[in-house]
PDB file of N, CA and C in Angstrom:
ATOM      1  N   MET A   1     -26.365   7.363   0.564  1.00  0.00           N
ATOM      2  CA  MET A   1     -25.166   6.735   0.786  1.00  0.00           C
ATOM      3  C   MET A   1     -25.447   5.301  -0.166  1.00  0.00           C
ATOM      4  N   GLN A   2     -24.121   4.939  -0.678  1.00  0.00           N
ATOM      5  CA  GLN A   2     -24.076   3.498  -1.573  1.00  0.00           C
ATOM      6  C   GLN A   2     -23.902   2.343  -0.418  1.00  0.00           C
ATOM      7  N   LYS A   3     -24.444   1.478  -0.437  1.00  0.00           N
ATOM      8  CA  LYS A   3     -24.419   0.410   0.642  1.00  0.00           C
ATOM      9  C   LYS A   3     -22.828  -0.012   0.923  1.00  0.00           C
ATOM     10  N   HIS A   4     -21.560  -0.046   0.034  1.00  0.00           N
ATOM     11  CA  HIS A   4     -20.707  -0.417   0.650  1.00  0.00           C
ATOM     12  C   HIS A   4     -19.856   0.645   1.168  1.00  0.00           C
ATOM     13  N   TYR A   5     -20.324   1.759   1.244  1.00  0.00           N
ATOM     14  CA  TYR A   5     -19.584   2.794   2.276  1.00  0.00           C
ATOM     15  C   TYR A   5     -20.287   3.117   3.519  1.00  0.00           C
ATOM     16  N   ASP A   6     -21.069   2.102   4.231  1.00  0.00           N
ATOM     17  CA  ASP A   6     -21.850   1.940   5.350  1.00  0.00           C
ATOM     18  C   ASP A   6     -20.668   1.876   6.499  1.00  0.00           C
ATOM     19  N   ASN A   7     -19.351   1.140   6.296  1.00  0.00           N
ATOM     20  CA  ASN A   7     -18.492   1.179   7.567  1.00  0.00           C
ATOM     21  C   ASN A   7     -18.915   0.457   8.427  1.00  0.00           C
ATOM     22  N   LYS A   8     -20.206  -0.676   8.177  1.00  0.00           N
ATOM     23  CA  LYS A   8     -20.411  -1.741   9.380  1.00  0.00           C
ATOM     24  C   LYS A   8     -19.513  -2.126   9.785  1.00  0.00           C
ATOM     25  N   ASN A   9     -18.301  -2.724   9.162  1.00  0.00           N
ATOM     26  CA  ASN A   9     -17.269  -3.393   9.846  1.00  0.00           C
ATOM     27  C   ASN A   9     -16.169  -2.575  10.212  1.00  0.00           C
ATOM     28  N   GLY A  10     -16.235  -1.506   9.905  1.00  0.00           N
ATOM     29  CA  GLY A  10     -15.123  -0.547  10.427  1.00  0.00           C
ATOM     30  C   GLY A  10     -14.394   0.016   8.954  1.00  0.00           C
ATOM     31  N   SER A  11     -13.912   1.251   9.053  1.00  0.00           N
ATOM     32  CA  SER A  11     -13.333   1.974   7.786  1.00  0.00           C
ATOM     33  C   SER A  11     -12.152   1.559   7.563  1.00  0.00           C
ATOM     34  N   ILE A  12     -11.801   1.005   6.479  1.00  0.00           N
ATOM     35  CA  ILE A  12     -10.261   0.938   5.824  1.00  0.00           C
ATOM     36  C   ILE A  12      -8.991   2.056   6.643  1.00  0.00           C
ATOM     37  N   TYR A  13      -9.936   3.258   6.165  1.00  0.00           N
ATOM     38  CA  TYR A  13      -9.006   4.727   6.554  1.00  0.00           C
ATOM     39  C   TYR A  13      -8.857   4.955   8.167  1.00  0.00           C
ATOM     40  N   ALA A  14      -9.432   4.180   8.629  1.00  0.00           N
ATOM     41  CA  ALA A  14      -9.611   4.107  10.146  1.00  0.00           C
ATOM     42  C   ALA A  14      -8.274   3.209  10.900  1.00  0.00           C
ATOM     43  N   LEU A  15      -8.367   1.855  10.026  1.00  0.00           N
ATOM     44  CA  LEU A  15      -7.082   0.894  10.081  1.00  0.00           C
ATOM     45  C   LEU A  15      -5.974   1.579   9.597  1.00  0.00           C
ATOM     46  N   ALA A  16      -5.876   2.182   8.665  1.00  0.00           N
ATOM     47  CA  ALA A  16      -4.510   2.875   8.068  1.00  0.00           C
ATOM     48  C   ALA A  16      -3.725   3.659   8.791  1.00  0.00           C
ATOM     49  N   GLU A  17      -5.060   4.798   9.827  1.00  0.00           N
ATOM     50  CA  GLU A  17      -4.413   5.498  10.603  1.00  0.00           C
ATOM     51  C   GLU A  17      -3.874   4.524  11.674  1.00  0.00           C
ATOM     52  N   ASN A  18      -4.583   3.752  12.603  1.00  0.00           N
ATOM     53  CA  ASN A  18      -4.420   2.961  13.473  1.00  0.00           C
ATOM     54  C   ASN A  18      -3.105   2.488  13.733  1.00  0.00           C
ATOM     55  N   TYR A  19      -2.392   1.932  12.252  1.00  0.00           N
ATOM     56  CA  TYR A  19      -1.627   1.252  12.138  1.00  0.00           C
ATOM     57  C   TYR A  19      -0.495   2.171  11.292  1.00  0.00           C
ATOM     58  N   ARG A  20      -0.758   3.585  11.159  1.00  0.00           N
ATOM     59  CA  ARG A  20       0.031   4.425  10.429  1.00  0.00           C
ATOM     60  C   ARG A  20       0.614   3.868   9.583  1.00  0.00           C
ATOM     61  N   LEU A  21      -0.031   3.672   8.213  1.00  0.00           N
ATOM     62  CA  LEU A  21       0.429   3.236   7.202  1.00  0.00           C
ATOM     63  C   LEU A  21       0.675   4.077   5.992  1.00  0.00           C
ATOM     64  N   ASN A  22       1.968   4.123   5.558  1.00  0.00           N
ATOM     65  CA  ASN A  22       2.157   4.823   4.406  1.00  0.00           C
ATOM     66  C   ASN A  22       1.429   4.766   3.185  1.00  0.00           C
ATOM     67  N   SER A  23       1.248   5.551   2.195  1.00  0.00           N
ATOM     68  CA  SER A  23       0.329   5.470   1.086  1.00  0.00           C
ATOM     69  C   SER A  23       0.617   4.194   0.089  1.00  0.00           C
ATOM     70  N   TYR A  24       1.608   3.612  -0.099  1.00  0.00           N
ATOM     71  CA  TYR A  24       2.135   2.540  -0.336  1.00  0.00           C
ATOM     72  C   TYR A  24       1.280   1.088   0.412  1.00  0.00           C
ATOM     73  N   GLU A  25       1.564   1.093   1.661  1.00  0.00           N
ATOM     74  CA  GLU A  25       0.934   0.030   2.519  1.00  0.00           C
ATOM     75  C   GLU A  25      -0.401  -0.095   2.536  1.00  0.00           C
ATOM     76  N   PHE A  26      -1.117   1.177   2.650  1.00  0.00           N
ATOM     77  CA  PHE A  26      -2.570   1.507   2.526  1.00  0.00           C
ATOM     78  C   PHE A  26      -3.276   0.819   1.199  1.00  0.00           C
ATOM     79  N   ASP A  27      -2.520   1.407   0.103  1.00  0.00           N
ATOM     80  CA  ASP A  27      -2.962   1.068  -1.128  1.00  0.00           C
ATOM     81  C   ASP A  27      -2.952  -0.793  -1.312  1.00  0.00           C
ATOM     82  N   ILE A  28      -1.681  -1.085  -1.025  1.00  0.00           N
ATOM     83  CA  ILE A  28      -1.815  -2.693  -0.807  1.00  0.00           C
ATOM     84  C   ILE A  28      -2.483  -3.548  -0.553  1.00  0.00           C
ATOM     85  N   ILE A  29      -2.596  -3.177   1.078  1.00  0.00           N
ATOM     86  CA  ILE A  29      -3.855  -3.504   1.929  1.00  0.00           C
ATOM     87  C   ILE A  29      -5.323  -3.222   1.464  1.00  0.00           C
ATOM     88  N   LYS A  30      -5.589  -2.226   0.879  1.00  0.00           N
ATOM     89  CA  LYS A  30      -6.785  -1.894  -0.040  1.00  0.00           C
ATOM     90  C   LYS A  30      -7.125  -2.564  -1.089  1.00  0.00           C
ATOM     91  N   ARG A  31      -6.066  -3.133  -1.854  1.00  0.00           N
ATOM     92  CA  ARG A  31      -6.459  -3.745  -3.223  1.00  0.00           C
ATOM     93  C   ARG A  31      -6.577  -5.174  -2.768  1.00  0.00           C
ATOM     94  N   VAL A  32      -5.671  -5.656  -1.502  1.00  0.00           N
ATOM     95  CA  VAL A  32      -5.959  -7.088  -1.141  1.00  0.00           C
ATOM     96  C   VAL A  32      -7.406  -7.148  -0.807  1.00  0.00           C
ATOM     97  N   ILE A  33      -7.831  -6.452   0.458  1.00  0.00           N
ATOM     98  CA  ILE A  33      -9.260  -6.562   0.776  1.00  0.00           C
ATOM     99  C   ILE A  33     -10.523  -6.605  -0.041  1.00  0.00           C
ATOM    100  N   ARG A  34      -9.951  -5.262  -1.262  1.00  0.00           N
ATOM    101  CA  ARG A  34     -11.305  -5.422  -2.183  1.00  0.00           C
ATOM    102  C   ARG A  34     -11.471  -6.273  -3.740  1.00  0.00           C
ATOM    103  N   CYS A  35     -10.109  -6.866  -3.533  1.00  0.00           N
ATOM    104  CA  CYS A  35      -9.634  -7.662  -4.816  1.00  0.00           C
ATOM    105  C   CYS A  35     -11.316  -8.695  -5.316  1.00  0.00           C
ATOM    106  N   ARG A  36     -11.601  -9.418  -4.063  1.00  0.00           N
ATOM    107  CA  ARG A  36     -12.631 -10.588  -4.605  1.00  0.00           C
ATOM    108  C   ARG A  36     -14.008  -9.862  -4.571  1.00  0.00           C
ATOM    109  N   LYS A  37     -14.153  -8.263  -4.188  1.00  0.00           N
ATOM    110  CA  LYS A  37     -15.488  -7.632  -4.478  1.00  0.00           C
ATOM    111  C   LYS A  37     -15.369  -7.192  -5.546  1.00  0.00           C
ATOM    112  N   LYS A  38     -14.506  -6.538  -6.317  1.00  0.00           N
ATOM    113  CA  LYS A  38     -14.836  -5.794  -7.499  1.00  0.00           C
ATOM    114  C   LYS A  38     -15.076  -6.672  -9.042  1.00  0.00           C
ATOM    115  N   GLY A  39     -14.906  -7.981  -8.831  1.00  0.00           N
ATOM    116  CA  GLY A  39     -15.189  -9.037  -9.924  1.00  0.00           C
ATOM    117  C   GLY A  39     -13.824  -8.879 -10.829  1.00  0.00           C
ATOM    118  N   ALA A  40     -12.437  -8.337 -10.961  1.00  0.00           N
ATOM    119  CA  ALA A  40     -11.771  -8.423 -11.204  1.00  0.00           C
ATOM    120  C   ALA A  40     -10.202  -8.935 -10.579  1.00  0.00           C
ATOM    121  N   PHE A  41     -10.414  -9.904  -9.558  1.00  0.00           N
ATOM    122  CA  PHE A  41      -9.688 -10.672  -8.792  1.00  0.00           C
ATOM    123  C   PHE A  41      -8.046 -11.088  -9.228  1.00  0.00           C
ATOM    124  N   ILE A  42      -8.066 -11.446 -10.512  1.00  0.00           N
ATOM    125  CA  ILE A  42      -6.726 -11.284 -10.963  1.00  0.00           C
ATOM    126  C   ILE A  42      -5.865  -9.920 -11.602  1.00  0.00           C
ATOM    127  N   GLU A  43      -6.981  -9.195 -11.964  1.00  0.00           N
ATOM    128  CA  GLU A  43      -5.980  -8.171 -12.557  1.00  0.00           C
ATOM    129  C   GLU A  43      -5.819  -7.411 -11.473  1.00  0.00           C
ATOM    130  N   ASP A  44      -6.367  -6.978 -10.094  1.00  0.00           N
ATOM    131  CA  ASP A  44      -6.202  -6.378  -9.137  1.00  0.00           C
ATOM    132  C   ASP A  44      -4.838  -6.884  -8.393  1.00  0.00           C
ATOM    133  N   LEU A  45      -5.182  -8.496  -8.233  1.00  0.00           N
ATOM    134  CA  LEU A  45      -3.674  -8.915  -7.467  1.00  0.00           C
ATOM    135  C   LEU A  45      -2.331  -8.452  -8.513  1.00  0.00           C
ATOM    136  N   GLU A  46      -2.713  -8.465  -9.631  1.00  0.00           N
ATOM    137  CA  GLU A  46      -1.303  -8.372 -10.867  1.00  0.00           C
ATOM    138  C   GLU A  46      -1.152  -6.759 -10.242  1.00  0.00           C
ATOM    139  N   LYS A  47      -1.698  -5.901 -10.105  1.00  0.00           N
ATOM    140  CA  LYS A  47      -1.584  -4.305  -9.849  1.00  0.00           C
ATOM    141  C   LYS A  47      -1.022  -4.254  -8.302  1.00  0.00           C
ATOM    142  N   THR A  48      -1.556  -5.298  -7.642  1.00  0.00           N
ATOM    143  CA  THR A  48      -0.965  -5.269  -6.264  1.00  0.00           C
ATOM    144  C   THR A  48       0.603  -5.768  -6.346  1.00  0.00           C
ATOM    145  N   LYS A  49       0.648  -6.852  -6.972  1.00  0.00           N
ATOM    146  CA  LYS A  49       2.164  -7.285  -7.157  1.00  0.00           C
ATOM    147  C   LYS A  49       3.106  -6.276  -7.704  1.00  0.00           C
ATOM    148  N   PHE A  50       2.593  -5.667  -8.795  1.00  0.00           N
ATOM    149  CA  PHE A  50       3.275  -4.422  -9.157  1.00  0.00           C
ATOM    150  C   PHE A  50       3.667  -3.297  -8.383  1.00  0.00           C
ATOM    151  N   LEU A  51       2.697  -2.840  -7.719  1.00  0.00           N
ATOM    152  CA  LEU A  51       2.874  -1.978  -6.345  1.00  0.00           C
ATOM    153  C   LEU A  51       3.924  -2.263  -5.485  1.00  0.00           C
ATOM    154  N   ILE A  52       3.548  -3.925  -5.002  1.00  0.00           N
ATOM    155  CA  ILE A  52       4.707  -3.823  -4.204  1.00  0.00           C
ATOM    156  C   ILE A  52       6.050  -4.167  -4.926  1.00  0.00           C
ATOM    157  N   ASP A  53       6.501  -4.240  -5.980  1.00  0.00           N
ATOM    158  CA  ASP A  53       7.603  -4.333  -6.577  1.00  0.00           C
ATOM    159  C   ASP A  53       8.132  -2.913  -6.414  1.00  0.00           C
ATOM    160  N   LEU A  54       7.062  -1.882  -6.918  1.00  0.00           N
ATOM    161  CA  LEU A  54       7.498  -0.576  -6.918  1.00  0.00           C
ATOM    162  C   LEU A  54       8.010  -0.173  -5.379  1.00  0.00           C
ATOM    163  N   TYR A  55       7.236  -0.435  -4.560  1.00  0.00           N
ATOM    164  CA  TYR A  55       7.564  -0.077  -3.139  1.00  0.00           C
ATOM    165  C   TYR A  55       8.895  -0.747  -2.663  1.00  0.00           C
ATOM    166  N   LEU A  56       9.192  -1.919  -3.027  1.00  0.00           N
ATOM    167  CA  LEU A  56      10.618  -2.508  -2.614  1.00  0.00           C
ATOM    168  C   LEU A  56      11.602  -1.771  -3.385  1.00  0.00           C
ATOM    169  N   LYS A  57      11.604  -1.333  -4.550  1.00  0.00           N
ATOM    170  CA  LYS A  57      12.256  -0.572  -5.357  1.00  0.00           C
ATOM    171  C   LYS A  57      12.688   0.776  -4.809  1.00  0.00           C
ATOM    172  N   GLU A  58      11.680   1.689  -4.266  1.00  0.00           N
ATOM    173  CA  GLU A  58      11.873   2.965  -4.257  1.00  0.00           C
ATOM    174  C   GLU A  58      12.238   2.931  -2.499  1.00  0.00           C
ATOM    175  N   TYR A  59      12.229   1.672  -1.517  1.00  0.00           N
ATOM    176  CA  TYR A  59      12.795   1.518  -0.206  1.00  0.00           C
ATOM    177  C   TYR A  59      13.989   1.158  -0.759  1.00  0.00           C
ATOM    178  N   GLU A  60      14.304   0.372  -1.342  1.00  0.00           N
ATOM    179  CA  GLU A  60      16.233   0.008  -1.926  1.00  0.00           C
ATOM    180  C   GLU A  60      16.799   1.269  -2.377  1.00  0.00           C
ATOM    181  N   ASP A  61      16.292   2.127  -3.045  1.00  0.00           N
ATOM    182  CA  ASP A  61      16.721   3.258  -3.308  1.00  0.00           C
ATOM    183  C   ASP A  61      16.752   4.360  -2.249  1.00  0.00           C
ATOM    184  N   LYS A  62      16.035   4.552  -1.318  1.00  0.00           N
ATOM    185  CA  LYS A  62      16.227   5.396  -0.146  1.00  0.00           C
ATOM    186  C   LYS A  62      17.246   4.475   0.403  1.00  0.00           C
ATOM    187  N   ILE A  63      17.306   3.625   0.956  1.00  0.00           N
ATOM    188  CA  ILE A  63      18.711   2.823   1.783  1.00  0.00           C
ATOM    189  C   ILE A  63      19.938   3.099   0.858  1.00  0.00           C
ATOM    190  N   LYS A  64      20.082   2.679  -0.797  1.00  0.00           N
ATOM    191  CA  LYS A  64      21.214   3.105  -0.976  1.00  0.00           C
ATOM    192  C   LYS A  64      21.544   4.735  -0.663  1.00  0.00           C
ATOM    193  N   ASN A  65      20.380   5.437  -0.990  1.00  0.00           N
ATOM    194  CA  ASN A  65      21.137   7.035  -0.673  1.00  0.00           C
ATOM    195  C   ASN A  65      21.210   7.375   0.600  1.00  0.00           C
ATOM    196  N   ARG A  66      20.704   6.609   1.262  1.00  0.00           N
ATOM    197  CA  ARG A  66      21.183   7.071   2.724  1.00  0.00           C
ATOM    198  C   ARG A  66      22.790   6.732   3.419  1.00  0.00           C
ATOM    199  N   VAL A  67      23.098   5.736   2.544  1.00  0.00           N
ATOM    200  CA  VAL A  67      24.392   4.717   2.989  1.00  0.00           C
ATOM    201  C   VAL A  67      25.371   5.834   1.852  1.00  0.00           C
ATOM    202  N   ALA A  68      24.824   6.385   0.699  1.00  0.00           N
ATOM    203  CA  ALA A  68      25.625   6.974   0.143  1.00  0.00           C
ATOM    204  C   ALA A  68      26.103   8.300   0.700  1.00  0.00           C
ATOM    205  N   ASN A  69      24.771   8.883   1.045  1.00  0.00           N
ATOM    206  CA  ASN A  69      25.228  10.146   1.958  1.00  0.00           C
ATOM    207  C   ASN A  69      26.074  10.000   3.164  1.00  0.00           C
ATOM    208  N   SER A  70      26.175   9.088   3.866  1.00  0.00           N
ATOM    209  CA  SER A  70      26.619   8.747   5.017  1.00  0.00           C
ATOM    210  C   SER A  70      28.197   8.615   4.775  1.00  0.00           C
ATOM    211  N   GLU A  71      28.447   8.034   3.532  1.00  0.00           N
ATOM    212  CA  GLU A  71      29.652   7.887   3.337  1.00  0.00           C
ATOM    213  C   GLU A  71      30.583   9.169   2.827  1.00  0.00           C
ATOM    214  N   HIS A  72      29.687   9.948   2.507  1.00  0.00           N
ATOM    215  CA  HIS A  72      30.308  11.169   1.660  1.00  0.00           C
ATOM    216  C   HIS A  72      30.044  12.679   2.988  1.00  0.00           C
ATOM    217  N   GLY A  73      29.751  12.311   4.335  1.00  0.00           N
ATOM    218  CA  GLY A  73      29.546  12.911   5.500  1.00  0.00           C
ATOM    219  C   GLY A  73      28.128  13.949   5.139  1.00  0.00           C
ATOM    220  N   CYS A  74      27.417  13.508   4.421  1.00  0.00           N
ATOM    221  CA  CYS A  74      25.963  14.473   4.230  1.00  0.00           C
ATOM    222  C   CYS A  74      24.660  13.864   5.273  1.00  0.00           C
TER     223      CYS A  74
END
């Protein structure tokens, strides 16, 4: 087993389950936690910013669709 998989500090997957994170939330937190470890700090944070913007857009679209559906009795 690779030493970075030893989970001596707890599993990020257990954290995700405990907090009932969706896939966006899990990916965002995972990227922030790991960004300093991989040696691609800026690139990883830029990817995280993109992911946050995508999550916001999809959330906003979902809300707009709910409002539109409720106005049409759906």
